[in-house]
Amino acid sequence: MKNLTYHAGKLEIIGRVKSSPNGNPRYLIMIDGFRCYTKPDSMHGYVVSNYKSKVVHATIGTYYGRPTLNTLIGD
């Protein structure tokens, strides 16, 4: 993961995207106006729906040239 940035704000789920090759869910989300994807085969695909419309603290980085959620902490 490269180019990590910190963001705090309301988490919005834009939509579900194609699952990982192992069948784990992935989402396109927005935090504080920044869009990013959940990383393939990470627990964020399962946890992100619990934080829908809640204030979160997150780091977003670049993973294979795509903005990707690195950490997620709820208030």
PDB file of N, CA and C in Angstrom:
ATOM      1  N   MET A   1       0.857  -1.175   0.000  1.00  0.00           N
ATOM      2  CA  MET A   1       0.000   0.000   0.000  1.00  0.00           C
ATOM      3  C   MET A   1       0.898   1.231   0.000  1.00  0.00           C
ATOM      4  N   LYS A   2       0.623   2.156  -0.909  1.00  0.00           N
ATOM      5  CA  LYS A   2       1.430   3.366  -1.036  1.00  0.00           C
ATOM      6  C   LYS A   2       0.552   4.594  -0.846  1.00  0.00           C
ATOM      7  N   ASN A   3       1.198   5.732  -0.626  1.00  0.00           N
ATOM      8  CA  ASN A   3       0.535   7.046  -0.577  1.00  0.00           C
ATOM      9  C   ASN A   3      -0.626   7.106   0.416  1.00  0.00           C
ATOM     10  N   LEU A   4      -0.401   6.701   1.638  1.00  0.00           N
ATOM     11  CA  LEU A   4      -1.464   6.687   2.639  1.00  0.00           C
ATOM     12  C   LEU A   4      -1.859   8.098   3.061  1.00  0.00           C
ATOM     13  N   THR A   5      -3.164   8.333   3.148  1.00  0.00           N
ATOM     14  CA  THR A   5      -3.710   9.604   3.623  1.00  0.00           C
ATOM     15  C   THR A   5      -4.780   9.310   4.663  1.00  0.00           C
ATOM     16  N   TYR A   6      -4.951  10.229   5.609  1.00  0.00           N
ATOM     17  CA  TYR A   6      -5.917  10.078   6.692  1.00  0.00           C
ATOM     18  C   TYR A   6      -7.201  10.845   6.349  1.00  0.00           C
ATOM     19  N   HIS A   7      -8.344  10.227   6.641  1.00  0.00           N
ATOM     20  CA  HIS A   7      -9.640  10.857   6.390  1.00  0.00           C
ATOM     21  C   HIS A   7     -10.580  10.553   7.551  1.00  0.00           C
ATOM     22  N   ALA A   8     -11.392  11.533   7.904  1.00  0.00           N
ATOM     23  CA  ALA A   8     -12.423  11.338   8.931  1.00  0.00           C
ATOM     24  C   ALA A   8     -13.725  11.914   8.391  1.00  0.00           C
ATOM     25  N   GLY A   9     -14.792  11.172   8.548  1.00  0.00           N
ATOM     26  CA  GLY A   9     -16.077  11.645   8.070  1.00  0.00           C
ATOM     27  C   GLY A   9     -17.078  10.516   8.007  1.00  0.00           C
ATOM     28  N   LYS A  10     -18.234  10.819   7.443  1.00  0.00           N
ATOM     29  CA  LYS A  10     -19.318   9.854   7.345  1.00  0.00           C
ATOM     30  C   LYS A  10     -19.025   8.865   6.217  1.00  0.00           C
ATOM     31  N   LEU A  11     -19.184   7.578   6.502  1.00  0.00           N
ATOM     32  CA  LEU A  11     -18.957   6.538   5.518  1.00  0.00           C
ATOM     33  C   LEU A  11     -20.239   6.298   4.737  1.00  0.00           C
ATOM     34  N   GLU A  12     -20.148   6.367   3.427  1.00  0.00           N
ATOM     35  CA  GLU A  12     -21.283   6.088   2.551  1.00  0.00           C
ATOM     36  C   GLU A  12     -20.913   4.930   1.637  1.00  0.00           C
ATOM     37  N   ILE A  13     -21.810   3.964   1.514  1.00  0.00           N
ATOM     38  CA  ILE A  13     -21.581   2.838   0.615  1.00  0.00           C
ATOM     39  C   ILE A  13     -22.186   3.202  -0.734  1.00  0.00           C
ATOM     40  N   ILE A  14     -21.351   3.313  -1.751  1.00  0.00           N
ATOM     41  CA  ILE A  14     -21.817   3.643  -3.094  1.00  0.00           C
ATOM     42  C   ILE A  14     -22.389   2.402  -3.766  1.00  0.00           C
ATOM     43  N   GLY A  15     -21.740   1.279  -3.572  1.00  0.00           N
ATOM     44  CA  GLY A  15     -22.252   0.042  -4.149  1.00  0.00           C
ATOM     45  C   GLY A  15     -21.300  -1.114  -3.970  1.00  0.00           C
ATOM     46  N   ARG A  16     -21.819  -2.268  -4.254  1.00  0.00           N
ATOM     47  CA  ARG A  16     -21.010  -3.474  -4.189  1.00  0.00           C
ATOM     48  C   ARG A  16     -20.389  -3.704  -5.562  1.00  0.00           C
ATOM     49  N   VAL A  17     -19.136  -4.111  -5.572  1.00  0.00           N
ATOM     50  CA  VAL A  17     -18.436  -4.404  -6.825  1.00  0.00           C
ATOM     51  C   VAL A  17     -18.170  -5.908  -6.885  1.00  0.00           C
ATOM     52  N   LYS A  18     -17.595  -6.347  -7.983  1.00  0.00           N
ATOM     53  CA  LYS A  18     -17.325  -7.772  -8.185  1.00  0.00           C
ATOM     54  C   LYS A  18     -16.536  -8.353  -7.020  1.00  0.00           C
ATOM     55  N   SER A  19     -16.941  -9.524  -6.559  1.00  0.00           N
ATOM     56  CA  SER A  19     -16.264 -10.189  -5.444  1.00  0.00           C
ATOM     57  C   SER A  19     -14.838 -10.563  -5.823  1.00  0.00           C
ATOM     58  N   SER A  20     -14.020 -10.815  -4.792  1.00  0.00           N
ATOM     59  CA  SER A  20     -12.644 -11.241  -5.023  1.00  0.00           C
ATOM     60  C   SER A  20     -12.641 -12.639  -5.648  1.00  0.00           C
ATOM     61  N   PRO A  21     -11.524 -13.080  -6.188  1.00  0.00           N
ATOM     62  CA  PRO A  21     -11.455 -14.435  -6.768  1.00  0.00           C
ATOM     63  C   PRO A  21     -11.810 -15.540  -5.768  1.00  0.00           C
ATOM     64  N   ASN A  22     -11.640 -15.266  -4.484  1.00  0.00           N
ATOM     65  CA  ASN A  22     -11.987 -16.251  -3.453  1.00  0.00           C
ATOM     66  C   ASN A  22     -13.431 -16.127  -2.988  1.00  0.00           C
ATOM     67  N   GLY A  23     -14.189 -15.211  -3.564  1.00  0.00           N
ATOM     68  CA  GLY A  23     -15.606 -15.075  -3.234  1.00  0.00           C
ATOM     69  C   GLY A  23     -15.919 -14.110  -2.110  1.00  0.00           C
ATOM     70  N   ASN A  24     -14.932 -13.356  -1.641  1.00  0.00           N
ATOM     71  CA  ASN A  24     -15.172 -12.409  -0.558  1.00  0.00           C
ATOM     72  C   ASN A  24     -15.745 -11.103  -1.120  1.00  0.00           C
ATOM     73  N   PRO A  25     -16.662 -10.448  -0.367  1.00  0.00           N
ATOM     74  CA  PRO A  25     -17.318  -9.235  -0.880  1.00  0.00           C
ATOM     75  C   PRO A  25     -16.375  -8.049  -0.961  1.00  0.00           C
ATOM     76  N   ARG A  26     -16.668  -7.142  -1.912  1.00  0.00           N
ATOM     77  CA  ARG A  26     -15.916  -5.893  -2.069  1.00  0.00           C
ATOM     78  C   ARG A  26     -16.917  -4.773  -2.273  1.00  0.00           C
ATOM     79  N   TYR A  27     -16.549  -3.573  -1.824  1.00  0.00           N
ATOM     80  CA  TYR A  27     -17.435  -2.426  -1.925  1.00  0.00           C
ATOM     81  C   TYR A  27     -16.695  -1.210  -2.444  1.00  0.00           C
ATOM     82  N   LEU A  28     -17.437  -0.319  -3.082  1.00  0.00           N
ATOM     83  CA  LEU A  28     -16.972   1.017  -3.417  1.00  0.00           C
ATOM     84  C   LEU A  28     -17.613   1.930  -2.392  1.00  0.00           C
ATOM     85  N   ILE A  29     -16.797   2.651  -1.625  1.00  0.00           N
ATOM     86  CA  ILE A  29     -17.303   3.495  -0.545  1.00  0.00           C
ATOM     87  C   ILE A  29     -16.788   4.920  -0.692  1.00  0.00           C
ATOM     88  N   MET A  30     -17.399   5.829   0.071  1.00  0.00           N
ATOM     89  CA  MET A  30     -16.949   7.212   0.093  1.00  0.00           C
ATOM     90  C   MET A  30     -16.817   7.643   1.543  1.00  0.00           C
ATOM     91  N   ILE A  31     -15.663   8.226   1.870  1.00  0.00           N
ATOM     92  CA  ILE A  31     -15.403   8.762   3.205  1.00  0.00           C
ATOM     93  C   ILE A  31     -14.912  10.187   3.025  1.00  0.00           C
ATOM     94  N   ASP A  32     -15.643  11.129   3.586  1.00  0.00           N
ATOM     95  CA  ASP A  32     -15.240  12.540   3.538  1.00  0.00           C
ATOM     96  C   ASP A  32     -15.028  13.030   2.102  1.00  0.00           C
ATOM     97  N   GLY A  33     -15.859  12.527   1.171  1.00  0.00           N
ATOM     98  CA  GLY A  33     -15.761  12.944  -0.220  1.00  0.00           C
ATOM     99  C   GLY A  33     -14.740  12.202  -1.050  1.00  0.00           C
ATOM    100  N   PHE A  34     -14.031  11.244  -0.473  1.00  0.00           N
ATOM    101  CA  PHE A  34     -13.019  10.464  -1.181  1.00  0.00           C
ATOM    102  C   PHE A  34     -13.545   9.057  -1.439  1.00  0.00           C
ATOM    103  N   ARG A  35     -13.555   8.659  -2.700  1.00  0.00           N
ATOM    104  CA  ARG A  35     -14.008   7.318  -3.063  1.00  0.00           C
ATOM    105  C   ARG A  35     -12.851   6.338  -2.981  1.00  0.00           C
ATOM    106  N   CYS A  36     -13.152   5.129  -2.502  1.00  0.00           N
ATOM    107  CA  CYS A  36     -12.140   4.079  -2.460  1.00  0.00           C
ATOM    108  C   CYS A  36     -12.823   2.720  -2.457  1.00  0.00           C
ATOM    109  N   TYR A  37     -12.038   1.694  -2.704  1.00  0.00           N
ATOM    110  CA  TYR A  37     -12.524   0.319  -2.720  1.00  0.00           C
ATOM    111  C   TYR A  37     -12.017  -0.416  -1.490  1.00  0.00           C
ATOM    112  N   THR A  38     -12.731  -1.460  -1.105  1.00  0.00           N
ATOM    113  CA  THR A  38     -12.206  -2.330  -0.054  1.00  0.00           C
ATOM    114  C   THR A  38     -11.198  -3.271  -0.716  1.00  0.00           C
ATOM    115  N   LYS A  39     -10.183  -3.642   0.033  1.00  0.00           N
ATOM    116  CA  LYS A  39      -9.109  -4.479  -0.494  1.00  0.00           C
ATOM    117  C   LYS A  39      -9.625  -5.910  -0.695  1.00  0.00           C
ATOM    118  N   PRO A  40      -9.193  -6.581  -1.761  1.00  0.00           N
ATOM    119  CA  PRO A  40      -9.615  -7.971  -1.963  1.00  0.00           C
ATOM    120  C   PRO A  40      -9.177  -8.867  -0.804  1.00  0.00           C
ATOM    121  N   ASP A  41     -10.063  -9.751  -0.409  1.00  0.00           N
ATOM    122  CA  ASP A  41      -9.795 -10.749   0.631  1.00  0.00           C
ATOM    123  C   ASP A  41      -9.418 -10.148   1.973  1.00  0.00           C
ATOM    124  N   SER A  42      -9.979  -8.980   2.305  1.00  0.00           N
ATOM    125  CA  SER A  42      -9.756  -8.414   3.639  1.00  0.00           C
ATOM    126  C   SER A  42     -11.082  -8.417   4.395  1.00  0.00           C
ATOM    127  N   MET A  43     -11.007  -8.269   5.695  1.00  0.00           N
ATOM    128  CA  MET A  43     -12.218  -8.240   6.526  1.00  0.00           C
ATOM    129  C   MET A  43     -13.036  -6.972   6.303  1.00  0.00           C
ATOM    130  N   HIS A  44     -12.456  -5.951   5.686  1.00  0.00           N
ATOM    131  CA  HIS A  44     -13.200  -4.712   5.455  1.00  0.00           C
ATOM    132  C   HIS A  44     -14.448  -4.949   4.605  1.00  0.00           C
ATOM    133  N   GLY A  45     -14.418  -5.933   3.722  1.00  0.00           N
ATOM    134  CA  GLY A  45     -15.583  -6.256   2.909  1.00  0.00           C
ATOM    135  C   GLY A  45     -16.768  -6.697   3.739  1.00  0.00           C
ATOM    136  N   TYR A  46     -16.514  -7.282   4.877  1.00  0.00           N
ATOM    137  CA  TYR A  46     -17.586  -7.740   5.756  1.00  0.00           C
ATOM    138  C   TYR A  46     -17.980  -6.676   6.782  1.00  0.00           C
ATOM    139  N   VAL A  47     -17.043  -5.850   7.202  1.00  0.00           N
ATOM    140  CA  VAL A  47     -17.258  -4.899   8.292  1.00  0.00           C
ATOM    141  C   VAL A  47     -17.843  -3.572   7.820  1.00  0.00           C
ATOM    142  N   VAL A  48     -17.565  -3.176   6.590  1.00  0.00           N
ATOM    143  CA  VAL A  48     -17.909  -1.840   6.121  1.00  0.00           C
ATOM    144  C   VAL A  48     -19.416  -1.561   6.221  1.00  0.00           C
ATOM    145  N   SER A  49     -20.265  -2.552   6.050  1.00  0.00           N
ATOM    146  CA  SER A  49     -21.713  -2.317   6.136  1.00  0.00           C
ATOM    147  C   SER A  49     -22.161  -1.976   7.563  1.00  0.00           C
ATOM    148  N   ASN A  50     -21.377  -2.346   8.563  1.00  0.00           N
ATOM    149  CA  ASN A  50     -21.708  -2.001   9.950  1.00  0.00           C
ATOM    150  C   ASN A  50     -21.517  -0.514  10.237  1.00  0.00           C
ATOM    151  N   TYR A  51     -20.696   0.166   9.445  1.00  0.00           N
ATOM    152  CA  TYR A  51     -20.389   1.581   9.654  1.00  0.00           C
ATOM    153  C   TYR A  51     -21.132   2.500   8.692  1.00  0.00           C
ATOM    154  N   LYS A  52     -22.092   1.977   7.945  1.00  0.00           N
ATOM    155  CA  LYS A  52     -22.843   2.776   6.975  1.00  0.00           C
ATOM    156  C   LYS A  52     -23.494   3.970   7.670  1.00  0.00           C
ATOM    157  N   SER A  53     -23.263   5.169   7.135  1.00  0.00           N
ATOM    158  CA  SER A  53     -23.809   6.443   7.636  1.00  0.00           C
ATOM    159  C   SER A  53     -23.301   6.812   9.023  1.00  0.00           C
ATOM    160  N   LYS A  54     -22.176   6.262   9.448  1.00  0.00           N
ATOM    161  CA  LYS A  54     -21.570   6.596  10.730  1.00  0.00           C
ATOM    162  C   LYS A  54     -20.243   7.308  10.505  1.00  0.00           C
ATOM    163  N   VAL A  55     -19.799   8.073  11.489  1.00  0.00           N
ATOM    164  CA  VAL A  55     -18.521   8.772  11.402  1.00  0.00           C
ATOM    165  C   VAL A  55     -17.399   7.776  11.665  1.00  0.00           C
ATOM    166  N   VAL A  56     -16.412   7.774  10.778  1.00  0.00           N
ATOM    167  CA  VAL A  56     -15.283   6.854  10.897  1.00  0.00           C
ATOM    168  C   VAL A  56     -13.975   7.608  10.688  1.00  0.00           C
ATOM    169  N   HIS A  57     -12.891   6.975  11.092  1.00  0.00           N
ATOM    170  CA  HIS A  57     -11.530   7.454  10.842  1.00  0.00           C
ATOM    171  C   HIS A  57     -10.878   6.370   9.995  1.00  0.00           C
ATOM    172  N   ALA A  58     -10.286   6.780   8.877  1.00  0.00           N
ATOM    173  CA  ALA A  58      -9.741   5.791   7.947  1.00  0.00           C
ATOM    174  C   ALA A  58      -8.464   6.291   7.301  1.00  0.00           C
ATOM    175  N   THR A  59      -7.658   5.340   6.851  1.00  0.00           N
ATOM    176  CA  THR A  59      -6.534   5.671   5.984  1.00  0.00           C
ATOM    177  C   THR A  59      -6.818   5.031   4.632  1.00  0.00           C
ATOM    178  N   ILE A  60      -6.523   5.793   3.588  1.00  0.00           N
ATOM    179  CA  ILE A  60      -6.743   5.342   2.218  1.00  0.00           C
ATOM    180  C   ILE A  60      -5.412   5.433   1.494  1.00  0.00           C
ATOM    181  N   GLY A  61      -5.082   4.388   0.773  1.00  0.00           N
ATOM    182  CA  GLY A  61      -3.832   4.364   0.025  1.00  0.00           C
ATOM    183  C   GLY A  61      -4.049   3.878  -1.386  1.00  0.00           C
ATOM    184  N   THR A  62      -2.962   3.708  -2.102  1.00  0.00           N
ATOM    185  CA  THR A  62      -3.015   3.217  -3.467  1.00  0.00           C
ATOM    186  C   THR A  62      -2.568   1.756  -3.481  1.00  0.00           C
ATOM    187  N   TYR A  63      -3.399   0.905  -4.035  1.00  0.00           N
ATOM    188  CA  TYR A  63      -3.107  -0.522  -4.135  1.00  0.00           C
ATOM    189  C   TYR A  63      -3.321  -0.927  -5.589  1.00  0.00           C
ATOM    190  N   TYR A  64      -2.243  -1.246  -6.287  1.00  0.00           N
ATOM    191  CA  TYR A  64      -2.272  -1.545  -7.718  1.00  0.00           C
ATOM    192  C   TYR A  64      -2.932  -0.414  -8.512  1.00  0.00           C
ATOM    193  N   GLY A  65      -2.597   0.831  -8.155  1.00  0.00           N
ATOM    194  CA  GLY A  65      -3.068   2.005  -8.874  1.00  0.00           C
ATOM    195  C   GLY A  65      -4.495   2.411  -8.612  1.00  0.00           C
ATOM    196  N   ARG A  66      -5.122   1.826  -7.594  1.00  0.00           N
ATOM    197  CA  ARG A  66      -6.526   2.101  -7.278  1.00  0.00           C
ATOM    198  C   ARG A  66      -6.648   2.552  -5.835  1.00  0.00           C
ATOM    199  N   PRO A  67      -7.437   3.610  -5.557  1.00  0.00           N
ATOM    200  CA  PRO A  67      -7.606   4.037  -4.165  1.00  0.00           C
ATOM    201  C   PRO A  67      -8.280   2.925  -3.356  1.00  0.00           C
ATOM    202  N   THR A  68      -7.637   2.555  -2.254  1.00  0.00           N
ATOM    203  CA  THR A  68      -8.087   1.397  -1.481  1.00  0.00           C
ATOM    204  C   THR A  68      -8.063   1.704   0.006  1.00  0.00           C
ATOM    205  N   LEU A  69      -9.092   1.220   0.700  1.00  0.00           N
ATOM    206  CA  LEU A  69      -9.193   1.393   2.157  1.00  0.00           C
ATOM    207  C   LEU A  69      -8.101   0.572   2.828  1.00  0.00           C
ATOM    208  N   ASN A  70      -7.347   1.210   3.733  1.00  0.00           N
ATOM    209  CA  ASN A  70      -6.266   0.523   4.450  1.00  0.00           C
ATOM    210  C   ASN A  70      -6.692   0.207   5.880  1.00  0.00           C
ATOM    211  N   THR A  71      -7.159   1.211   6.622  1.00  0.00           N
ATOM    212  CA  THR A  71      -7.637   0.988   7.992  1.00  0.00           C
ATOM    213  C   THR A  71      -8.978   1.670   8.161  1.00  0.00           C
ATOM    214  N   LEU A  72      -9.778   1.160   9.100  1.00  0.00           N
ATOM    215  CA  LEU A  72     -11.095   1.713   9.377  1.00  0.00           C
ATOM    216  C   LEU A  72     -11.370   1.594  10.859  1.00  0.00           C
ATOM    217  N   ILE A  73     -11.644   2.751  11.501  1.00  0.00           N
ATOM    218  CA  ILE A  73     -11.952   2.779  12.927  1.00  0.00           C
ATOM    219  C   ILE A  73     -13.209   3.613  13.113  1.00  0.00           C
ATOM    220  N   GLY A  74     -14.184   3.080  13.808  1.00  0.00           N
ATOM    221  CA  GLY A  74     -15.420   3.803  14.065  1.00  0.00           C
ATOM    222  C   GLY A  74     -15.317   4.656  15.312  1.00  0.00           C
ATOM    223  N   ASP A  75     -16.152   5.677  15.394  1.00  0.00           N
ATOM    224  CA  ASP A  75     -16.196   6.539  16.573  1.00  0.00           C
ATOM    225  C   ASP A  75     -16.925   5.892  17.712  1.00  0.00           C
TER     226      ASP A  75
END
